[in-house]
Amino acid sequence: MTQSAYAKNVLERGHSGMDKYVRITGKRQVTIPKEFFEQLDMGTVLHAFIEGGCLILEPVRPEDPMDFSQEIINDLADAGLTGEELKKEFARRREGMMAAMKELVTDARKEALSGSESDGDDFMDELINTDE
């Protein structure tokens, strides 16, 4: 029996063996099957992106140090933004935050590879003593 392109794609992605079909409502909403929700220990936020022609919904866990979504939403709500304005500004700020974090990581790697700092003592001293 010949496998469809979809079946091959699923197998290449490391299919878990759990299959469910979910309905998309008129408001573009879906219900996550309980078994998936529990197995993945999902919270209340998903990271959605497209990869290889597939929509990927990835749980964002509270311990994710790169997720500043709640802080961004709080700032926008405090500023009184709502609706489409809120959505656009959230996306803009989140993208800016991610770009800044990537730049910090790149700079830290360059500094570490240059050997200019043998450890983090100078950095920690600078952080601790900034209020003096």
N, C-alpha and C. Protein backbone atom coordinates (compact mmCIF):
# COMPACT_ATOMS: atom_id res chain seq x y z
N MET A 1 0.84 -1.18 0.00
CA MET A 1 0.00 0.00 0.00
C MET A 1 0.89 1.24 0.00
N THR A 2 0.62 2.19 -0.87
CA THR A 2 1.39 3.42 -0.99
C THR A 2 0.88 4.45 0.02
N GLN A 3 1.82 5.11 0.71
CA GLN A 3 1.44 6.13 1.67
C GLN A 3 1.22 7.47 0.96
N SER A 4 0.24 8.20 1.47
CA SER A 4 0.00 9.54 0.93
C SER A 4 1.12 10.47 1.37
N ALA A 5 1.24 11.61 0.70
CA ALA A 5 2.23 12.61 1.08
C ALA A 5 1.97 13.08 2.51
N TYR A 6 0.69 13.20 2.88
CA TYR A 6 0.34 13.62 4.24
C TYR A 6 0.83 12.58 5.25
N ALA A 7 0.58 11.31 4.98
CA ALA A 7 1.00 10.25 5.90
C ALA A 7 2.52 10.23 6.05
N LYS A 8 3.23 10.41 4.95
CA LYS A 8 4.69 10.45 5.02
C LYS A 8 5.16 11.63 5.86
N ASN A 9 4.54 12.79 5.68
CA ASN A 9 4.89 13.98 6.43
C ASN A 9 4.66 13.75 7.93
N VAL A 10 3.53 13.14 8.27
CA VAL A 10 3.21 12.86 9.67
C VAL A 10 4.26 11.94 10.27
N LEU A 11 4.64 10.90 9.54
CA LEU A 11 5.63 9.95 10.04
C LEU A 11 6.99 10.61 10.23
N GLU A 12 7.37 11.48 9.29
CA GLU A 12 8.66 12.18 9.39
C GLU A 12 8.71 13.10 10.59
N ARG A 13 7.57 13.64 11.01
CA ARG A 13 7.53 14.56 12.14
C ARG A 13 7.56 13.83 13.48
N GLY A 14 7.55 12.53 13.49
CA GLY A 14 7.57 11.80 14.75
C GLY A 14 6.18 11.70 15.36
N HIS A 15 5.23 11.29 14.56
CA HIS A 15 3.84 11.16 14.98
C HIS A 15 3.74 10.36 16.26
N SER A 16 2.92 10.84 17.20
CA SER A 16 2.79 10.21 18.51
C SER A 16 1.89 8.98 18.50
N GLY A 17 1.15 8.78 17.43
CA GLY A 17 0.21 7.66 17.40
C GLY A 17 -1.19 8.07 17.86
N MET A 18 -1.31 9.27 18.40
CA MET A 18 -2.62 9.77 18.82
C MET A 18 -3.19 10.61 17.68
N ASP A 19 -4.35 10.22 17.20
CA ASP A 19 -5.02 10.94 16.12
C ASP A 19 -6.38 11.43 16.58
N LYS A 20 -6.68 12.66 16.29
CA LYS A 20 -8.01 13.21 16.55
C LYS A 20 -8.30 14.21 15.44
N TYR A 21 -9.53 14.31 15.05
CA TYR A 21 -9.97 15.35 14.15
C TYR A 21 -10.74 16.35 14.99
N VAL A 22 -10.45 17.62 14.80
CA VAL A 22 -11.14 18.66 15.55
C VAL A 22 -11.84 19.60 14.57
N ARG A 23 -12.94 20.14 15.01
CA ARG A 23 -13.73 21.04 14.19
C ARG A 23 -13.27 22.47 14.42
N ILE A 24 -13.24 23.26 13.37
CA ILE A 24 -12.94 24.68 13.47
C ILE A 24 -14.27 25.41 13.44
N THR A 25 -14.53 26.23 14.47
CA THR A 25 -15.81 26.95 14.54
C THR A 25 -15.80 28.14 13.58
N GLY A 26 -16.92 28.78 13.47
CA GLY A 26 -17.05 29.96 12.63
C GLY A 26 -16.14 31.10 13.07
N LYS A 27 -15.73 31.07 14.33
CA LYS A 27 -14.81 32.10 14.85
C LYS A 27 -13.36 31.62 14.80
N ARG A 28 -13.08 30.58 14.01
CA ARG A 28 -11.74 30.02 13.85
C ARG A 28 -11.20 29.43 15.14
N GLN A 29 -12.06 28.92 15.99
CA GLN A 29 -11.64 28.33 17.25
C GLN A 29 -11.66 26.82 17.16
N VAL A 30 -10.76 26.18 17.91
CA VAL A 30 -10.73 24.72 17.98
C VAL A 30 -10.72 24.32 19.45
N THR A 31 -11.15 23.11 19.70
CA THR A 31 -11.07 22.55 21.05
C THR A 31 -9.94 21.54 21.06
N ILE A 32 -9.02 21.70 22.00
CA ILE A 32 -7.90 20.75 22.15
C ILE A 32 -8.45 19.50 22.83
N PRO A 33 -8.30 18.32 22.20
CA PRO A 33 -8.77 17.10 22.85
C PRO A 33 -8.14 16.93 24.24
N LYS A 34 -8.94 16.49 25.17
CA LYS A 34 -8.51 16.35 26.57
C LYS A 34 -7.24 15.51 26.70
N GLU A 35 -7.15 14.42 25.93
CA GLU A 35 -5.98 13.55 26.01
C GLU A 35 -4.70 14.30 25.63
N PHE A 36 -4.79 15.13 24.59
CA PHE A 36 -3.62 15.91 24.16
C PHE A 36 -3.25 16.94 25.23
N PHE A 37 -4.29 17.62 25.73
CA PHE A 37 -4.10 18.66 26.74
C PHE A 37 -3.39 18.10 27.97
N GLU A 38 -3.86 16.95 28.42
CA GLU A 38 -3.26 16.33 29.62
C GLU A 38 -1.87 15.78 29.35
N GLN A 39 -1.68 15.11 28.22
CA GLN A 39 -0.38 14.53 27.91
C GLN A 39 0.70 15.59 27.80
N LEU A 40 0.35 16.76 27.25
CA LEU A 40 1.32 17.84 27.06
C LEU A 40 1.38 18.79 28.24
N ASP A 41 0.56 18.53 29.26
CA ASP A 41 0.53 19.39 30.45
C ASP A 41 0.41 20.86 30.04
N MET A 42 -0.61 21.11 29.22
CA MET A 42 -0.78 22.45 28.64
C MET A 42 -1.32 23.43 29.65
N GLY A 43 -0.92 24.68 29.48
CA GLY A 43 -1.44 25.78 30.28
C GLY A 43 -2.51 26.51 29.50
N THR A 44 -2.43 27.84 29.50
CA THR A 44 -3.47 28.63 28.84
C THR A 44 -2.96 29.40 27.63
N VAL A 45 -1.68 29.23 27.27
CA VAL A 45 -1.12 29.96 26.14
C VAL A 45 -0.44 28.99 25.18
N LEU A 46 -0.67 29.18 23.88
CA LEU A 46 -0.02 28.39 22.85
C LEU A 46 0.81 29.31 21.96
N HIS A 47 1.94 28.81 21.52
CA HIS A 47 2.76 29.51 20.52
C HIS A 47 2.35 28.90 19.18
N ALA A 48 1.79 29.71 18.28
CA ALA A 48 1.32 29.22 16.98
C ALA A 48 2.27 29.69 15.89
N PHE A 49 2.67 28.76 15.02
CA PHE A 49 3.51 29.11 13.88
C PHE A 49 3.31 28.10 12.78
N ILE A 50 3.75 28.48 11.59
CA ILE A 50 3.64 27.59 10.43
C ILE A 50 5.01 27.03 10.13
N GLU A 51 5.08 25.72 9.94
CA GLU A 51 6.34 25.05 9.62
C GLU A 51 6.05 23.94 8.62
N GLY A 52 6.73 23.99 7.50
CA GLY A 52 6.55 22.95 6.49
C GLY A 52 5.12 22.80 6.04
N GLY A 53 4.39 23.90 5.93
CA GLY A 53 3.01 23.85 5.48
C GLY A 53 2.03 23.36 6.52
N CYS A 54 2.48 23.24 7.78
CA CYS A 54 1.61 22.78 8.86
C CYS A 54 1.48 23.86 9.93
N LEU A 55 0.31 23.94 10.52
CA LEU A 55 0.10 24.83 11.65
C LEU A 55 0.55 24.08 12.89
N ILE A 56 1.49 24.65 13.62
CA ILE A 56 2.01 24.04 14.84
C ILE A 56 1.51 24.86 16.02
N LEU A 57 0.92 24.20 16.99
CA LEU A 57 0.49 24.83 18.23
C LEU A 57 1.33 24.22 19.35
N GLU A 58 2.17 25.03 19.95
CA GLU A 58 3.13 24.55 20.93
C GLU A 58 2.81 25.17 22.29
N PRO A 59 2.67 24.35 23.33
CA PRO A 59 2.38 24.91 24.66
C PRO A 59 3.48 25.85 25.12
N VAL A 60 3.08 26.98 25.71
CA VAL A 60 4.03 27.90 26.33
C VAL A 60 3.89 27.68 27.82
N ARG A 61 4.95 27.22 28.42
CA ARG A 61 4.91 26.92 29.84
C ARG A 61 5.35 28.13 30.66
N PRO A 62 4.83 28.28 31.85
CA PRO A 62 5.17 29.44 32.67
C PRO A 62 6.66 29.62 32.90
N GLU A 63 7.41 28.54 32.89
CA GLU A 63 8.84 28.65 33.16
C GLU A 63 9.64 29.05 31.92
N ASP A 64 8.96 29.30 30.80
CA ASP A 64 9.65 29.70 29.58
C ASP A 64 10.24 31.10 29.77
N PRO A 65 11.56 31.23 29.89
CA PRO A 65 12.17 32.53 30.16
C PRO A 65 12.12 33.49 28.98
N MET A 66 11.78 33.00 27.80
CA MET A 66 11.74 33.86 26.62
C MET A 66 10.33 34.41 26.36
N ASP A 67 9.35 34.03 27.17
CA ASP A 67 7.99 34.48 26.93
C ASP A 67 7.65 35.65 27.85
N PHE A 68 7.44 36.80 27.26
CA PHE A 68 7.07 37.99 28.01
C PHE A 68 5.65 38.41 27.67
N SER A 69 4.85 37.46 27.20
CA SER A 69 3.50 37.77 26.73
C SER A 69 2.66 38.44 27.80
N GLN A 70 2.69 37.91 29.01
CA GLN A 70 1.85 38.47 30.06
C GLN A 70 2.25 39.91 30.39
N GLU A 71 3.54 40.17 30.45
CA GLU A 71 4.01 41.52 30.74
C GLU A 71 3.60 42.49 29.63
N ILE A 72 3.71 42.05 28.39
CA ILE A 72 3.33 42.89 27.26
C ILE A 72 1.83 43.18 27.30
N ILE A 73 1.02 42.14 27.51
CA ILE A 73 -0.43 42.31 27.58
C ILE A 73 -0.81 43.27 28.71
N ASN A 74 -0.16 43.11 29.87
CA ASN A 74 -0.45 44.00 31.00
C ASN A 74 -0.17 45.46 30.64
N ASP A 75 0.99 45.71 30.00
CA ASP A 75 1.34 47.07 29.59
C ASP A 75 0.32 47.63 28.61
N LEU A 76 -0.09 46.81 27.65
CA LEU A 76 -1.04 47.27 26.64
C LEU A 76 -2.42 47.53 27.24
N ALA A 77 -2.83 46.68 28.16
CA ALA A 77 -4.12 46.88 28.83
C ALA A 77 -4.08 48.15 29.67
N ASP A 78 -2.95 48.37 30.36
CA ASP A 78 -2.80 49.59 31.15
C ASP A 78 -2.85 50.84 30.27
N ALA A 79 -2.38 50.70 29.03
CA ALA A 79 -2.40 51.82 28.09
C ALA A 79 -3.77 52.00 27.44
N GLY A 80 -4.70 51.08 27.73
CA GLY A 80 -6.06 51.20 27.22
C GLY A 80 -6.29 50.66 25.83
N LEU A 81 -5.34 49.89 25.30
CA LEU A 81 -5.52 49.35 23.95
C LEU A 81 -6.50 48.19 23.97
N THR A 82 -7.29 48.06 22.91
CA THR A 82 -8.24 46.96 22.78
C THR A 82 -8.33 46.54 21.32
N GLY A 83 -8.97 45.43 21.09
CA GLY A 83 -9.27 44.95 19.74
C GLY A 83 -8.06 44.81 18.84
N GLU A 84 -8.23 45.21 17.59
CA GLU A 84 -7.18 45.07 16.59
C GLU A 84 -5.93 45.88 16.95
N GLU A 85 -6.14 47.03 17.55
CA GLU A 85 -5.01 47.87 17.96
C GLU A 85 -4.13 47.11 18.96
N LEU A 86 -4.77 46.44 19.92
CA LEU A 86 -4.04 45.65 20.91
C LEU A 86 -3.29 44.51 20.24
N LYS A 87 -3.96 43.80 19.32
CA LYS A 87 -3.33 42.67 18.64
C LYS A 87 -2.09 43.09 17.85
N LYS A 88 -2.22 44.18 17.12
CA LYS A 88 -1.09 44.66 16.31
C LYS A 88 0.07 45.12 17.17
N GLU A 89 -0.23 45.86 18.23
CA GLU A 89 0.84 46.36 19.10
C GLU A 89 1.50 45.22 19.87
N PHE A 90 0.70 44.23 20.27
CA PHE A 90 1.26 43.06 20.95
C PHE A 90 2.26 42.36 20.04
N ALA A 91 1.87 42.12 18.79
CA ALA A 91 2.76 41.44 17.84
C ALA A 91 4.03 42.24 17.61
N ARG A 92 3.90 43.55 17.49
CA ARG A 92 5.06 44.42 17.27
C ARG A 92 6.01 44.37 18.46
N ARG A 93 5.46 44.50 19.67
CA ARG A 93 6.31 44.50 20.86
C ARG A 93 6.94 43.14 21.11
N ARG A 94 6.18 42.08 20.88
CA ARG A 94 6.73 40.74 21.10
C ARG A 94 7.88 40.47 20.13
N GLU A 95 7.70 40.86 18.88
CA GLU A 95 8.76 40.67 17.90
C GLU A 95 10.00 41.48 18.29
N GLY A 96 9.79 42.70 18.76
CA GLY A 96 10.91 43.52 19.22
C GLY A 96 11.63 42.90 20.41
N MET A 97 10.86 42.32 21.32
CA MET A 97 11.44 41.66 22.50
C MET A 97 12.27 40.45 22.07
N MET A 98 11.74 39.67 21.15
CA MET A 98 12.46 38.48 20.69
C MET A 98 13.75 38.89 19.97
N ALA A 99 13.69 39.93 19.16
CA ALA A 99 14.88 40.40 18.45
C ALA A 99 15.93 40.89 19.44
N ALA A 100 15.50 41.61 20.47
CA ALA A 100 16.44 42.10 21.48
C ALA A 100 17.08 40.94 22.24
N MET A 101 16.28 39.92 22.57
CA MET A 101 16.82 38.75 23.29
C MET A 101 17.84 38.01 22.42
N LYS A 102 17.54 37.87 21.14
CA LYS A 102 18.47 37.19 20.23
C LYS A 102 19.77 37.97 20.13
N GLU A 103 19.67 39.29 20.09
CA GLU A 103 20.87 40.14 20.03
C GLU A 103 21.70 39.99 21.31
N LEU A 104 21.04 39.94 22.46
CA LEU A 104 21.77 39.74 23.72
C LEU A 104 22.50 38.40 23.73
N VAL A 105 21.84 37.36 23.26
CA VAL A 105 22.46 36.03 23.21
C VAL A 105 23.65 36.05 22.27
N THR A 106 23.50 36.67 21.10
CA THR A 106 24.59 36.77 20.13
C THR A 106 25.78 37.51 20.72
N ASP A 107 25.51 38.65 21.37
CA ASP A 107 26.58 39.44 22.00
C ASP A 107 27.27 38.64 23.10
N ALA A 108 26.51 37.91 23.90
CA ALA A 108 27.10 37.11 24.99
C ALA A 108 27.99 36.01 24.43
N ARG A 109 27.53 35.38 23.34
CA ARG A 109 28.34 34.33 22.72
C ARG A 109 29.65 34.90 22.18
N LYS A 110 29.57 36.06 21.51
CA LYS A 110 30.78 36.69 20.98
C LYS A 110 31.76 37.01 22.10
N GLU A 111 31.24 37.56 23.18
CA GLU A 111 32.10 37.92 24.30
C GLU A 111 32.72 36.67 24.93
N ALA A 112 31.92 35.62 25.05
CA ALA A 112 32.44 34.38 25.63
C ALA A 112 33.52 33.77 24.75
N LEU A 113 33.33 33.82 23.43
CA LEU A 113 34.31 33.26 22.51
C LEU A 113 35.58 34.10 22.41
N SER A 114 35.45 35.40 22.65
CA SER A 114 36.62 36.28 22.57
C SER A 114 37.54 36.09 23.76
N GLY A 115 37.02 35.54 24.83
CA GLY A 115 37.84 35.30 26.02
C GLY A 115 38.09 36.56 26.84
N SER A 116 37.35 37.64 26.54
CA SER A 116 37.59 38.88 27.27
C SER A 116 37.10 38.78 28.72
N GLU A 117 36.18 37.93 28.98
CA GLU A 117 35.68 37.72 30.35
C GLU A 117 35.85 36.24 30.67
N SER A 118 36.61 35.94 31.69
CA SER A 118 36.82 34.53 32.04
C SER A 118 35.65 33.97 32.82
N ASP A 119 34.91 34.84 33.50
CA ASP A 119 33.72 34.39 34.21
C ASP A 119 32.74 35.55 34.31
N GLY A 120 31.66 35.38 35.02
CA GLY A 120 30.65 36.43 35.11
C GLY A 120 30.82 37.36 36.30
N ASP A 121 31.96 37.31 36.99
CA ASP A 121 32.13 38.13 38.19
C ASP A 121 32.01 39.62 37.92
N ASP A 122 32.67 40.13 36.87
CA ASP A 122 32.59 41.55 36.57
C ASP A 122 31.17 41.96 36.24
N PHE A 123 30.48 41.14 35.48
CA PHE A 123 29.09 41.43 35.11
C PHE A 123 28.22 41.48 36.36
N MET A 124 28.37 40.51 37.24
CA MET A 124 27.56 40.47 38.47
C MET A 124 27.88 41.66 39.37
N ASP A 125 29.16 42.02 39.47
CA ASP A 125 29.54 43.18 40.26
C ASP A 125 28.87 44.43 39.72
N GLU A 126 28.86 44.56 38.41
CA GLU A 126 28.23 45.72 37.77
C GLU A 126 26.74 45.74 38.07
N LEU A 127 26.07 44.59 37.99
CA LEU A 127 24.65 44.53 38.27
C LEU A 127 24.34 44.87 39.72
N ILE A 128 25.10 44.30 40.62
CA ILE A 128 24.86 44.48 42.05
C ILE A 128 25.14 45.91 42.49
N ASN A 129 26.14 46.53 41.93
CA ASN A 129 26.59 47.84 42.38
C ASN A 129 26.02 49.01 41.58
N THR A 130 25.01 48.78 40.78
CA THR A 130 24.47 49.87 39.96
C THR A 130 23.71 50.89 40.80
N ASP A 131 23.21 50.52 41.96
CA ASP A 131 22.44 51.44 42.79
C ASP A 131 23.31 52.31 43.69
N GLU A 132 24.59 52.04 43.74
CA GLU A 132 25.48 52.79 44.64
C GLU A 132 25.87 54.12 44.08
